[in-house]
Amino acid sequence: MVTAALVQSDFSTASSIMILLHISELLKDYTRKKARQTLTQSLTMRVDSIWLVSEHEDILTPVSQIQVGDRIRVRTGGVIPLDREVVSGEALVNEPSMTGEPLAVLRQEKYSVYAGTVVEEGSLIINVRTLADNTRIQNIVTLIDQSEALKAGIQSKAEKLADSIVPFSFLTSIATLILTRNITKAMSVLMVDYSCAIKLSTPICVISAMHEAAKHRMLVKGGKYLEAYANADTIVFDKTGTLTAACPKVAKVVPFCGRTRDEVLKISACLEEHFPHSVAKAIVRQAEEEGLQHREEHTEVKYVVTHGICSMLHGERVLIGSGHFIFDDEGIP
């Protein structure tokens, strides 16, 4: 088209066509980038600022100012915004965006943690290993977008269809030129060619479908799996939290040493209400359902990651935790 315009010395038309082609390329790149960015945001949680560890105190700092090698602190309930390596501390980290597992895993010194995961309990000081544009979540999105093996079959068909249309567009344009002897009309045929639109629209539709699935907490790692799902007649689920709720309940309270059942449950709920652990929530919820009101008469509750909690109540030490914590570490018969 540009060549034909130049042959006719129609420089304004040639320049207009070149500008339009350039604008279309910019719009195409913008659309693909926007779709990939939307998918990335749906897979991870956005964090604007985090606590930067300095010599004297922790400073709340925008994520954009964090550099590789900085040390940051993430506490209970905090979202890890970047891929990092744990320097000190220990915590239970929920990693459903990476593994699909609903239960938190222990992370401590020399372990790696990833963007989009959440510190469920404890506190971590971690060393920034990569920046936001080089996280594992971002690499997953890039793999989905670029991997030929993960592309939907309809994408390949659309690309072949678009390529097959091009020769017919040229033949139609030449035929128009022969029949009308009008270069402008022949150029118009090329202007309405829609092979590029076919090539662009299909992958955008696939990415949009994957984004919609991610909004419903389903991670689809490639377009071909969307197509396979359409033909599936059996689906197998193997993780708690998919079909069942990872929500424990109090089954039984067994008191000892002269304590009553309500007293044990009430004290436990009073201590456990300070922590977000799923077992702690179950105890607090059971006390609320039974209408057991409690006043905070205990001292500060100390949390021991992956073990339990301890405090002082009326001059006596109170412990709640795992069998390993109570029997082995504390030596209670």
C-alpha atoms as a PDB file:
ATOM      1  CA  MET A   1       0.000   0.000   0.000  1.00  0.00           C
ATOM      2  CA  VAL A   2       2.786   2.408   0.900  1.00  0.00           C
ATOM      3  CA  THR A   3       4.678   1.480  -2.273  1.00  0.00           C
ATOM      4  CA  ALA A   4       1.596   2.060  -4.423  1.00  0.00           C
ATOM      5  CA  ALA A   5       1.058   5.460  -2.871  1.00  0.00           C
ATOM      6  CA  LEU A   6       4.684   6.419  -3.471  1.00  0.00           C
ATOM      7  CA  VAL A   7       4.470   5.269  -7.104  1.00  0.00           C
ATOM      8  CA  GLN A   8       1.567   7.703  -7.534  1.00  0.00           C
ATOM      9  CA  SER A   9       3.583  10.409  -5.767  1.00  0.00           C
ATOM     10  CA  ASP A  10       0.810  10.518  -3.167  1.00  0.00           C
ATOM     11  CA  PHE A  11       3.089  11.196  -0.225  1.00  0.00           C
ATOM     12  CA  SER A  12       0.318  12.300   2.134  1.00  0.00           C
ATOM     13  CA  THR A  13      -1.482   8.979   1.703  1.00  0.00           C
ATOM     14  CA  ALA A  14       1.759   7.037   2.166  1.00  0.00           C
ATOM     15  CA  SER A  15       2.579   8.900   5.366  1.00  0.00           C
ATOM     16  CA  SER A  16      -0.990   8.478   6.667  1.00  0.00           C
ATOM     17  CA  ILE A  17      -0.849   4.738   6.067  1.00  0.00           C
ATOM     18  CA  MET A  18       2.523   4.471   7.838  1.00  0.00           C
ATOM     19  CA  ILE A  19       1.191   6.445  10.809  1.00  0.00           C
ATOM     20  CA  LEU A  20      -1.913   4.254  11.010  1.00  0.00           C
ATOM     21  CA  LEU A  21       0.194   1.095  10.837  1.00  0.00           C
ATOM     22  CA  HIS A  22       2.426   2.397  13.614  1.00  0.00           C
ATOM     23  CA  ILE A  23      -0.594   3.296  15.757  1.00  0.00           C
ATOM     24  CA  SER A  24      -2.086  -0.168  15.196  1.00  0.00           C
ATOM     25  CA  GLU A  25       1.185  -1.777  16.323  1.00  0.00           C
ATOM     26  CA  LEU A  26       1.177   0.369  19.459  1.00  0.00           C
ATOM     27  CA  LEU A  27      -2.448  -0.561  20.190  1.00  0.00           C
ATOM     28  CA  LYS A  28      -1.674  -4.249  19.647  1.00  0.00           C
ATOM     29  CA  ASP A  29       1.286  -4.134  22.024  1.00  0.00           C
ATOM     30  CA  TYR A  30      -0.754  -2.167  24.584  1.00  0.00           C
ATOM     31  CA  THR A  31      -3.641  -4.650  24.433  1.00  0.00           C
ATOM     32  CA  ARG A  32      -1.393  -7.679  24.930  1.00  0.00           C
ATOM     33  CA  LYS A  33       0.541  -5.960  27.714  1.00  0.00           C
ATOM     34  CA  LYS A  34      -2.675  -4.906  29.460  1.00  0.00           C
ATOM     35  CA  ALA A  35      -4.081  -8.430  29.245  1.00  0.00           C
ATOM     36  CA  ARG A  36      -0.881  -9.954  30.679  1.00  0.00           C
ATOM     37  CA  GLN A  37      -0.770  -7.309  33.423  1.00  0.00           C
ATOM     38  CA  THR A  38      -4.382  -8.022  34.369  1.00  0.00           C
ATOM     39  CA  LEU A  39      -3.631 -11.741  34.561  1.00  0.00           C
ATOM     40  CA  THR A  40      -0.560 -11.057  36.723  1.00  0.00           C
ATOM     41  CA  GLN A  41      -2.561  -8.880  39.117  1.00  0.00           C
ATOM     42  CA  SER A  42      -5.244 -11.532  39.437  1.00  0.00           C
ATOM     43  CA  LEU A  43      -2.645 -14.138  40.452  1.00  0.00           C
ATOM     44  CA  THR A  44      -0.912 -12.073  43.098  1.00  0.00           C
ATOM     45  CA  MET A  45      -1.788  -9.582  45.814  1.00  0.00           C
ATOM     46  CA  ARG A  46      -0.727  -6.005  45.333  1.00  0.00           C
ATOM     47  CA  VAL A  47       1.334  -4.351  48.072  1.00  0.00           C
ATOM     48  CA  ASP A  48       2.189  -0.640  47.968  1.00  0.00           C
ATOM     49  CA  SER A  49       4.626  -0.394  50.882  1.00  0.00           C
ATOM     50  CA  ILE A  50       6.601  -2.695  53.165  1.00  0.00           C
ATOM     51  CA  TRP A  51       8.817  -2.405  56.269  1.00  0.00           C
ATOM     52  CA  LEU A  52      12.466  -1.845  55.401  1.00  0.00           C
ATOM     53  CA  VAL A  53      14.869  -3.011  58.124  1.00  0.00           C
ATOM     54  CA  SER A  54      17.516  -0.389  58.984  1.00  0.00           C
ATOM     55  CA  GLU A  55      20.176  -0.231  61.694  1.00  0.00           C
ATOM     56  CA  HIS A  56      17.937   1.533  64.216  1.00  0.00           C
ATOM     57  CA  GLU A  57      14.307   0.889  63.254  1.00  0.00           C
ATOM     58  CA  ASP A  58      11.940  -0.466  60.643  1.00  0.00           C
ATOM     59  CA  ILE A  59      10.878   2.123  58.049  1.00  0.00           C
ATOM     60  CA  LEU A  60       7.668   1.885  56.018  1.00  0.00           C
ATOM     61  CA  THR A  61       8.926   2.168  52.433  1.00  0.00           C
ATOM     62  CA  PRO A  62       7.175   2.083  49.012  1.00  0.00           C
ATOM     63  CA  VAL A  63       7.824  -1.157  47.136  1.00  0.00           C
ATOM     64  CA  SER A  64       9.125   0.836  44.165  1.00  0.00           C
ATOM     65  CA  GLN A  65      12.075   2.046  46.283  1.00  0.00           C
ATOM     66  CA  ILE A  66      13.162  -1.424  47.401  1.00  0.00           C
ATOM     67  CA  GLN A  67      16.447  -2.601  45.883  1.00  0.00           C
ATOM     68  CA  VAL A  68      18.052  -6.017  45.491  1.00  0.00           C
ATOM     69  CA  GLY A  69      19.969  -6.759  48.701  1.00  0.00           C
ATOM     70  CA  ASP A  70      17.668  -4.799  51.035  1.00  0.00           C
ATOM     71  CA  ARG A  71      16.255  -6.492  54.128  1.00  0.00           C
ATOM     72  CA  ILE A  72      12.560  -6.205  54.892  1.00  0.00           C
ATOM     73  CA  ARG A  73      10.270  -7.467  57.629  1.00  0.00           C
ATOM     74  CA  VAL A  74       6.898  -9.160  57.094  1.00  0.00           C
ATOM     75  CA  ARG A  75       4.715  -9.869  60.123  1.00  0.00           C
ATOM     76  CA  THR A  76       1.560 -11.909  60.723  1.00  0.00           C
ATOM     77  CA  GLY A  77      -1.042 -11.151  58.061  1.00  0.00           C
ATOM     78  CA  GLY A  78       1.476  -9.434  55.796  1.00  0.00           C
ATOM     79  CA  VAL A  79       1.716 -10.172  52.073  1.00  0.00           C
ATOM     80  CA  ILE A  80       5.124 -10.961  50.610  1.00  0.00           C
ATOM     81  CA  PRO A  81       5.391  -8.706  47.537  1.00  0.00           C
ATOM     82  CA  LEU A  82       8.712  -9.950  46.102  1.00  0.00           C
ATOM     83  CA  ASP A  83      10.695 -13.173  45.801  1.00  0.00           C
ATOM     84  CA  ARG A  84      13.094 -13.330  48.736  1.00  0.00           C
ATOM     85  CA  GLU A  85      15.361 -15.402  50.946  1.00  0.00           C
ATOM     86  CA  VAL A  86      14.717 -15.608  54.697  1.00  0.00           C
ATOM     87  CA  VAL A  87      17.534 -14.108  56.785  1.00  0.00           C
ATOM     88  CA  SER A  88      16.077 -14.639  60.253  1.00  0.00           C
ATOM     89  CA  GLY A  89      12.855 -15.473  62.064  1.00  0.00           C
ATOM     90  CA  GLU A  90      10.343 -18.183  61.336  1.00  0.00           C
ATOM     91  CA  ALA A  91       6.724 -18.172  60.275  1.00  0.00           C
ATOM     92  CA  LEU A  92       3.952 -20.196  58.727  1.00  0.00           C
ATOM     93  CA  VAL A  93       3.439 -18.996  55.157  1.00  0.00           C
ATOM     94  CA  ASN A  94       0.311 -19.645  53.117  1.00  0.00           C
ATOM     95  CA  GLU A  95       1.275 -20.372  49.500  1.00  0.00           C
ATOM     96  CA  PRO A  96      -1.969 -21.183  47.626  1.00  0.00           C
ATOM     97  CA  SER A  97      -1.031 -18.921  44.708  1.00  0.00           C
ATOM     98  CA  MET A  98       2.099 -21.038  44.117  1.00  0.00           C
ATOM     99  CA  THR A  99       1.154 -24.576  45.162  1.00  0.00           C
ATOM    100  CA  GLY A 100      -2.627 -24.661  45.572  1.00  0.00           C
ATOM    101  CA  GLU A 101      -2.199 -26.072  49.095  1.00  0.00           C
ATOM    102  CA  PRO A 102      -4.546 -24.403  51.629  1.00  0.00           C
ATOM    103  CA  LEU A 103      -2.379 -25.227  54.660  1.00  0.00           C
ATOM    104  CA  ALA A 104       0.517 -22.983  55.622  1.00  0.00           C
ATOM    105  CA  VAL A 105       4.118 -24.253  55.540  1.00  0.00           C
ATOM    106  CA  LEU A 106       7.008 -23.426  57.855  1.00  0.00           C
ATOM    107  CA  ARG A 107       9.590 -21.006  56.484  1.00  0.00           C
ATOM    108  CA  GLN A 108      12.727 -20.067  58.398  1.00  0.00           C
ATOM    109  CA  GLU A 109      16.360 -19.049  57.830  1.00  0.00           C
ATOM    110  CA  LYS A 110      17.797 -19.957  54.367  1.00  0.00           C
ATOM    111  CA  TYR A 111      14.337 -20.789  52.975  1.00  0.00           C
ATOM    112  CA  SER A 112      12.934 -18.909  49.978  1.00  0.00           C
ATOM    113  CA  VAL A 113       9.531 -17.231  49.947  1.00  0.00           C
ATOM    114  CA  TYR A 114       7.638 -15.926  46.941  1.00  0.00           C
ATOM    115  CA  ALA A 115       5.577 -12.920  45.890  1.00  0.00           C
ATOM    116  CA  GLY A 116       1.848 -13.187  46.516  1.00  0.00           C
ATOM    117  CA  THR A 117       2.174 -15.530  49.509  1.00  0.00           C
ATOM    118  CA  VAL A 118       0.970 -14.528  52.987  1.00  0.00           C
ATOM    119  CA  VAL A 119       2.602 -14.773  56.414  1.00  0.00           C
ATOM    120  CA  GLU A 120      -0.107 -16.495  58.422  1.00  0.00           C
ATOM    121  CA  GLU A 121       1.766 -16.617  61.721  1.00  0.00           C
ATOM    122  CA  GLY A 122       5.131 -15.347  62.933  1.00  0.00           C
ATOM    123  CA  SER A 123       7.581 -12.786  61.588  1.00  0.00           C
ATOM    124  CA  LEU A 124      10.299 -12.941  58.930  1.00  0.00           C
ATOM    125  CA  ILE A 125      13.247 -10.756  58.008  1.00  0.00           C
ATOM    126  CA  ILE A 126      14.045 -11.475  54.406  1.00  0.00           C
ATOM    127  CA  ASN A 127      16.638 -10.459  51.877  1.00  0.00           C
ATOM    128  CA  VAL A 128      15.300  -9.156  48.543  1.00  0.00           C
ATOM    129  CA  ARG A 129      16.546 -11.484  45.801  1.00  0.00           C
ATOM    130  CA  THR A 130      14.629 -10.183  42.784  1.00  0.00           C
ATOM    131  CA  LEU A 131      12.487  -7.170  41.992  1.00  0.00           C
ATOM    132  CA  ALA A 132       8.792  -7.067  41.086  1.00  0.00           C
ATOM    133  CA  ASP A 133       9.291  -7.628  37.358  1.00  0.00           C
ATOM    134  CA  ASN A 134      11.260 -10.832  37.927  1.00  0.00           C
ATOM    135  CA  THR A 135       9.128 -12.765  40.422  1.00  0.00           C
ATOM    136  CA  ARG A 136       8.051 -16.371  40.049  1.00  0.00           C
ATOM    137  CA  ILE A 137       4.454 -15.242  39.503  1.00  0.00           C
ATOM    138  CA  GLN A 138       5.639 -13.031  36.643  1.00  0.00           C
ATOM    139  CA  ASN A 139       7.636 -15.909  35.193  1.00  0.00           C
ATOM    140  CA  ILE A 140       4.518 -18.106  35.277  1.00  0.00           C
ATOM    141  CA  VAL A 141       2.573 -15.490  33.321  1.00  0.00           C
ATOM    142  CA  THR A 142       5.422 -15.117  30.812  1.00  0.00           C
ATOM    143  CA  LEU A 143       5.565 -18.890  30.358  1.00  0.00           C
ATOM    144  CA  ILE A 144       1.811 -19.028  29.773  1.00  0.00           C
ATOM    145  CA  ASP A 145       2.025 -16.199  27.261  1.00  0.00           C
ATOM    146  CA  GLN A 146       5.065 -17.369  25.281  1.00  0.00           C
ATOM    147  CA  SER A 147       5.133 -21.152  25.482  1.00  0.00           C
ATOM    148  CA  GLU A 148       4.001 -22.744  22.219  1.00  0.00           C
ATOM    149  CA  ALA A 149       3.348 -26.005  24.071  1.00  0.00           C
ATOM    150  CA  LEU A 150       0.754 -24.314  26.307  1.00  0.00           C
ATOM    151  CA  LYS A 151      -1.104 -22.481  23.551  1.00  0.00           C
ATOM    152  CA  ALA A 152      -4.665 -23.452  22.760  1.00  0.00           C
ATOM    153  CA  GLY A 153      -5.204 -25.327  19.529  1.00  0.00           C
ATOM    154  CA  ILE A 154      -7.604 -22.595  18.396  1.00  0.00           C
ATOM    155  CA  GLN A 155      -4.687 -20.132  18.526  1.00  0.00           C
ATOM    156  CA  SER A 156      -2.657 -22.175  16.055  1.00  0.00           C
ATOM    157  CA  LYS A 157      -5.702 -22.557  13.812  1.00  0.00           C
ATOM    158  CA  ALA A 158      -6.336 -18.806  13.933  1.00  0.00           C
ATOM    159  CA  GLU A 159      -2.718 -18.050  13.011  1.00  0.00           C
ATOM    160  CA  LYS A 160      -2.872 -20.483  10.058  1.00  0.00           C
ATOM    161  CA  LEU A 161      -6.188 -18.998   8.953  1.00  0.00           C
ATOM    162  CA  ALA A 162      -4.783 -15.477   9.140  1.00  0.00           C
ATOM    163  CA  ASP A 163      -1.720 -16.479   7.093  1.00  0.00           C
ATOM    164  CA  SER A 164      -3.882 -18.224   4.503  1.00  0.00           C
ATOM    165  CA  ILE A 165      -5.988 -15.091   4.014  1.00  0.00           C
ATOM    166  CA  VAL A 166      -3.013 -12.915   3.003  1.00  0.00           C
ATOM    167  CA  PRO A 167      -2.492 -14.428  -0.515  1.00  0.00           C
ATOM    168  CA  PHE A 168      -6.214 -14.056  -1.264  1.00  0.00           C
ATOM    169  CA  SER A 169      -6.073 -10.411  -0.199  1.00  0.00           C
ATOM    170  CA  PHE A 170      -3.254  -9.767  -2.641  1.00  0.00           C
ATOM    171  CA  LEU A 171      -5.025 -11.689  -5.442  1.00  0.00           C
ATOM    172  CA  THR A 172      -8.253  -9.761  -4.844  1.00  0.00           C
ATOM    173  CA  SER A 173      -6.333  -6.499  -4.883  1.00  0.00           C
ATOM    174  CA  ILE A 174      -4.602  -7.398  -8.164  1.00  0.00           C
ATOM    175  CA  ALA A 175      -7.920  -8.487  -9.695  1.00  0.00           C
ATOM    176  CA  THR A 176      -9.491  -5.202  -8.626  1.00  0.00           C
ATOM    177  CA  LEU A 177      -6.609  -3.296 -10.238  1.00  0.00           C
ATOM    178  CA  ILE A 178      -6.985  -5.243 -13.508  1.00  0.00           C
ATOM    179  CA  LEU A 179     -10.747  -4.785 -13.682  1.00  0.00           C
ATOM    180  CA  THR A 180     -10.943  -1.143 -12.587  1.00  0.00           C
ATOM    181  CA  ARG A 181      -7.514   0.201 -13.583  1.00  0.00           C
ATOM    182  CA  ASN A 182      -7.755   2.141 -10.307  1.00  0.00           C
ATOM    183  CA  ILE A 183      -4.838   1.852  -7.881  1.00  0.00           C
ATOM    184  CA  THR A 184      -6.817   3.529  -5.089  1.00  0.00           C
ATOM    185  CA  LYS A 185      -9.523   0.853  -5.208  1.00  0.00           C
ATOM    186  CA  ALA A 186      -6.887  -1.877  -5.284  1.00  0.00           C
ATOM    187  CA  MET A 187      -5.252  -0.349  -2.217  1.00  0.00           C
ATOM    188  CA  SER A 188      -8.635  -0.231  -0.454  1.00  0.00           C
ATOM    189  CA  VAL A 189      -8.894  -4.012  -0.715  1.00  0.00           C
ATOM    190  CA  LEU A 190      -5.610  -4.359   1.163  1.00  0.00           C
ATOM    191  CA  MET A 191      -6.719  -1.830   3.763  1.00  0.00           C
ATOM    192  CA  VAL A 192      -9.702  -3.961   4.828  1.00  0.00           C
ATOM    193  CA  ASP A 193      -7.624  -7.137   5.263  1.00  0.00           C
ATOM    194  CA  TYR A 194      -8.461  -8.587   8.710  1.00  0.00           C
ATOM    195  CA  SER A 195      -5.801 -11.287   9.148  1.00  0.00           C
ATOM    196  CA  CYS A 196      -4.010  -9.215  11.816  1.00  0.00           C
ATOM    197  CA  ALA A 197      -7.243  -8.883  13.795  1.00  0.00           C
ATOM    198  CA  ILE A 198      -7.694 -12.660  13.787  1.00  0.00           C
ATOM    199  CA  LYS A 199      -4.137 -13.191  15.035  1.00  0.00           C
ATOM    200  CA  LEU A 200      -4.579 -10.656  17.851  1.00  0.00           C
ATOM    201  CA  SER A 201      -8.111 -11.394  19.023  1.00  0.00           C
ATOM    202  CA  THR A 202      -7.672 -15.130  19.638  1.00  0.00           C
ATOM    203  CA  PRO A 203      -4.815 -14.986  22.203  1.00  0.00           C
ATOM    204  CA  ILE A 204      -6.505 -12.020  23.899  1.00  0.00           C
ATOM    205  CA  CYS A 205      -9.681 -14.098  24.303  1.00  0.00           C
ATOM    206  CA  VAL A 206      -7.675 -16.968  25.818  1.00  0.00           C
ATOM    207  CA  ILE A 207      -5.872 -14.677  28.265  1.00  0.00           C
ATOM    208  CA  SER A 208      -9.189 -13.065  29.217  1.00  0.00           C
ATOM    209  CA  ALA A 209     -10.673 -16.499  29.953  1.00  0.00           C
ATOM    210  CA  MET A 210      -7.659 -17.362  32.123  1.00  0.00           C
ATOM    211  CA  HIS A 211      -8.043 -14.043  33.948  1.00  0.00           C
ATOM    212  CA  GLU A 212     -11.718 -14.773  34.596  1.00  0.00           C
ATOM    213  CA  ALA A 213     -10.757 -18.175  36.015  1.00  0.00           C
ATOM    214  CA  ALA A 214      -8.096 -16.565  38.228  1.00  0.00           C
ATOM    215  CA  LYS A 215     -10.755 -14.193  39.635  1.00  0.00           C
ATOM    216  CA  HIS A 216     -12.513 -17.325  40.878  1.00  0.00           C
ATOM    217  CA  ARG A 217      -9.233 -18.619  42.395  1.00  0.00           C
ATOM    218  CA  MET A 218      -8.547 -21.111  39.603  1.00  0.00           C
ATOM    219  CA  LEU A 219      -5.081 -20.996  38.007  1.00  0.00           C
ATOM    220  CA  VAL A 220      -5.035 -22.217  34.390  1.00  0.00           C
ATOM    221  CA  LYS A 221      -1.446 -22.571  33.211  1.00  0.00           C
ATOM    222  CA  GLY A 222      -2.128 -22.641  29.476  1.00  0.00           C
ATOM    223  CA  GLY A 223      -4.758 -22.171  26.811  1.00  0.00           C
ATOM    224  CA  LYS A 224      -4.652 -25.814  25.772  1.00  0.00           C
ATOM    225  CA  TYR A 225      -5.976 -26.818  29.206  1.00  0.00           C
ATOM    226  CA  LEU A 226      -9.045 -24.628  28.708  1.00  0.00           C
ATOM    227  CA  GLU A 227      -9.777 -26.605  25.552  1.00  0.00           C
ATOM    228  CA  ALA A 228      -9.149 -29.909  27.319  1.00  0.00           C
ATOM    229  CA  TYR A 229     -11.563 -28.895  30.076  1.00  0.00           C
ATOM    230  CA  ALA A 230     -14.357 -28.533  27.500  1.00  0.00           C
ATOM    231  CA  ASN A 231     -13.986 -32.222  26.617  1.00  0.00           C
ATOM    232  CA  ALA A 232     -13.480 -33.538  30.159  1.00  0.00           C
ATOM    233  CA  ASP A 233     -16.037 -35.941  31.622  1.00  0.00           C
ATOM    234  CA  THR A 234     -14.270 -36.557  34.957  1.00  0.00           C
ATOM    235  CA  ILE A 235     -12.578 -34.127  37.352  1.00  0.00           C
ATOM    236  CA  VAL A 236     -10.408 -35.331  40.251  1.00  0.00           C
ATOM    237  CA  PHE A 237      -9.860 -33.110  43.306  1.00  0.00           C
ATOM    238  CA  ASP A 238      -7.139 -33.991  45.778  1.00  0.00           C
ATOM    239  CA  LYS A 239      -6.647 -30.975  48.028  1.00  0.00           C
ATOM    240  CA  THR A 240      -8.384 -29.839  51.184  1.00  0.00           C
ATOM    241  CA  GLY A 241      -9.856 -26.419  50.617  1.00  0.00           C
ATOM    242  CA  THR A 242     -11.092 -27.228  47.107  1.00  0.00           C
ATOM    243  CA  LEU A 243     -14.266 -29.160  47.859  1.00  0.00           C
ATOM    244  CA  THR A 244     -13.989 -29.025  51.632  1.00  0.00           C
ATOM    245  CA  ALA A 245     -13.318 -26.130  53.992  1.00  0.00           C
ATOM    246  CA  ALA A 246     -10.028 -26.173  55.889  1.00  0.00           C
ATOM    247  CA  CYS A 247     -11.951 -25.157  58.999  1.00  0.00           C
ATOM    248  CA  PRO A 248     -11.379 -27.358  62.079  1.00  0.00           C
ATOM    249  CA  LYS A 249     -13.987 -27.588  64.852  1.00  0.00           C
ATOM    250  CA  VAL A 250     -13.761 -28.455  68.544  1.00  0.00           C
ATOM    251  CA  ALA A 251     -14.818 -32.096  68.865  1.00  0.00           C
ATOM    252  CA  LYS A 252     -14.423 -32.591  72.616  1.00  0.00           C
ATOM    253  CA  VAL A 253     -13.059 -30.875  75.734  1.00  0.00           C
ATOM    254  CA  VAL A 254     -11.524 -33.203  78.363  1.00  0.00           C
ATOM    255  CA  PRO A 255     -10.745 -31.430  81.693  1.00  0.00           C
ATOM    256  CA  PHE A 256      -8.218 -32.693  84.286  1.00  0.00           C
ATOM    257  CA  CYS A 257      -7.079 -31.905  87.815  1.00  0.00           C
ATOM    258  CA  GLY A 258     -10.321 -30.453  89.116  1.00  0.00           C
ATOM    259  CA  ARG A 259     -10.870 -28.061  86.244  1.00  0.00           C
ATOM    260  CA  THR A 260     -14.309 -27.894  84.670  1.00  0.00           C
ATOM    261  CA  ARG A 261     -14.970 -28.243  80.946  1.00  0.00           C
ATOM    262  CA  ASP A 262     -16.292 -24.679  80.616  1.00  0.00           C
ATOM    263  CA  GLU A 263     -13.312 -23.283  82.508  1.00  0.00           C
ATOM    264  CA  VAL A 264     -10.813 -25.010  80.191  1.00  0.00           C
ATOM    265  CA  LEU A 265     -12.639 -23.820  77.063  1.00  0.00           C
ATOM    266  CA  LYS A 266     -13.066 -20.284  78.412  1.00  0.00           C
ATOM    267  CA  ILE A 267      -9.377 -19.876  79.332  1.00  0.00           C
ATOM    268  CA  SER A 268      -8.292 -21.372  76.011  1.00  0.00           C
ATOM    269  CA  ALA A 269     -10.529 -18.995  74.045  1.00  0.00           C
ATOM    270  CA  CYS A 270      -9.304 -16.023  76.072  1.00  0.00           C
ATOM    271  CA  LEU A 271      -5.714 -16.782  75.104  1.00  0.00           C
ATOM    272  CA  GLU A 272      -6.292 -17.984  71.544  1.00  0.00           C
ATOM    273  CA  GLU A 273      -8.347 -14.983  70.405  1.00  0.00           C
ATOM    274  CA  HIS A 274      -5.097 -13.051  69.906  1.00  0.00           C
ATOM    275  CA  PHE A 275      -3.917 -15.268  67.036  1.00  0.00           C
ATOM    276  CA  PRO A 276      -5.194 -16.035  63.515  1.00  0.00           C
ATOM    277  CA  HIS A 277      -4.354 -19.764  63.548  1.00  0.00           C
ATOM    278  CA  SER A 278      -7.201 -21.973  62.265  1.00  0.00           C
ATOM    279  CA  VAL A 279      -7.204 -24.069  65.470  1.00  0.00           C
ATOM    280  CA  ALA A 280      -7.265 -20.900  67.585  1.00  0.00           C
ATOM    281  CA  LYS A 281     -10.271 -19.649  65.606  1.00  0.00           C
ATOM    282  CA  ALA A 282     -12.048 -22.966  66.163  1.00  0.00           C
ATOM    283  CA  ILE A 283     -11.593 -22.696  69.947  1.00  0.00           C
ATOM    284  CA  VAL A 284     -12.773 -19.069  70.060  1.00  0.00           C
ATOM    285  CA  ARG A 285     -15.748 -19.879  67.839  1.00  0.00           C
ATOM    286  CA  GLN A 286     -16.774 -22.801  70.083  1.00  0.00           C
ATOM    287  CA  ALA A 287     -16.677 -20.589  73.186  1.00  0.00           C
ATOM    288  CA  GLU A 288     -18.812 -17.967  71.440  1.00  0.00           C
ATOM    289  CA  GLU A 289     -21.362 -20.573  70.350  1.00  0.00           C
ATOM    290  CA  GLU A 290     -21.659 -21.778  73.941  1.00  0.00           C
ATOM    291  CA  GLY A 291     -21.961 -18.220  75.264  1.00  0.00           C
ATOM    292  CA  LEU A 292     -18.849 -18.419  77.457  1.00  0.00           C
ATOM    293  CA  GLN A 293     -17.856 -14.856  78.283  1.00  0.00           C
ATOM    294  CA  HIS A 294     -14.313 -14.219  79.481  1.00  0.00           C
ATOM    295  CA  ARG A 295     -12.285 -11.299  80.790  1.00  0.00           C
ATOM    296  CA  GLU A 296      -8.615 -10.857  79.966  1.00  0.00           C
ATOM    297  CA  GLU A 297      -6.881 -11.469  83.300  1.00  0.00           C
ATOM    298  CA  HIS A 298      -3.748 -13.013  81.844  1.00  0.00           C
ATOM    299  CA  THR A 299      -0.390 -11.426  81.090  1.00  0.00           C
ATOM    300  CA  GLU A 300       0.970 -10.907  77.578  1.00  0.00           C
ATOM    301  CA  VAL A 301       0.554 -14.000  75.414  1.00  0.00           C
ATOM    302  CA  LYS A 302       3.792 -15.217  73.873  1.00  0.00           C
ATOM    303  CA  TYR A 303       3.553 -17.058  70.557  1.00  0.00           C
ATOM    304  CA  VAL A 304       6.023 -19.860  69.771  1.00  0.00           C
ATOM    305  CA  VAL A 305       5.905 -20.488  66.002  1.00  0.00           C
ATOM    306  CA  THR A 306       4.753 -24.031  65.037  1.00  0.00           C
ATOM    307  CA  HIS A 307       4.564 -24.960  68.733  1.00  0.00           C
ATOM    308  CA  GLY A 308       1.886 -23.024  70.599  1.00  0.00           C
ATOM    309  CA  ILE A 309       1.375 -20.171  73.047  1.00  0.00           C
ATOM    310  CA  CYS A 310       2.177 -19.481  76.702  1.00  0.00           C
ATOM    311  CA  SER A 311       1.102 -16.892  79.255  1.00  0.00           C
ATOM    312  CA  MET A 312       0.555 -16.323  82.994  1.00  0.00           C
ATOM    313  CA  LEU A 313      -2.912 -16.413  84.587  1.00  0.00           C
ATOM    314  CA  HIS A 314      -3.436 -15.796  88.341  1.00  0.00           C
ATOM    315  CA  GLY A 315       0.197 -16.648  89.013  1.00  0.00           C
ATOM    316  CA  GLU A 316       0.094 -19.925  87.065  1.00  0.00           C
ATOM    317  CA  ARG A 317       1.777 -20.648  83.748  1.00  0.00           C
ATOM    318  CA  VAL A 318      -0.657 -21.496  80.948  1.00  0.00           C
ATOM    319  CA  LEU A 319       0.407 -23.445  77.848  1.00  0.00           C
ATOM    320  CA  ILE A 320      -1.561 -24.308  74.720  1.00  0.00           C
ATOM    321  CA  GLY A 321       0.052 -26.133  71.840  1.00  0.00           C
ATOM    322  CA  SER A 322       1.070 -29.297  70.034  1.00  0.00           C
ATOM    323  CA  GLY A 323       1.908 -32.576  71.726  1.00  0.00           C
ATOM    324  CA  HIS A 324       5.591 -32.019  70.937  1.00  0.00           C
ATOM    325  CA  PHE A 325       5.490 -28.603  72.610  1.00  0.00           C
ATOM    326  CA  ILE A 326       3.591 -29.727  75.721  1.00  0.00           C
ATOM    327  CA  PHE A 327       5.053 -33.188  76.367  1.00  0.00           C
ATOM    328  CA  ASP A 328       8.579 -33.024  74.928  1.00  0.00           C
ATOM    329  CA  ASP A 329       9.639 -29.385  75.199  1.00  0.00           C
ATOM    330  CA  GLU A 330       7.823 -28.480  78.403  1.00  0.00           C
ATOM    331  CA  GLY A 331       8.010 -31.916  80.049  1.00  0.00           C
ATOM    332  CA  ILE A 332       4.368 -31.980  81.184  1.00  0.00           C
ATOM    333  CA  PRO A 333       3.097 -35.533  81.877  1.00  0.00           C
END
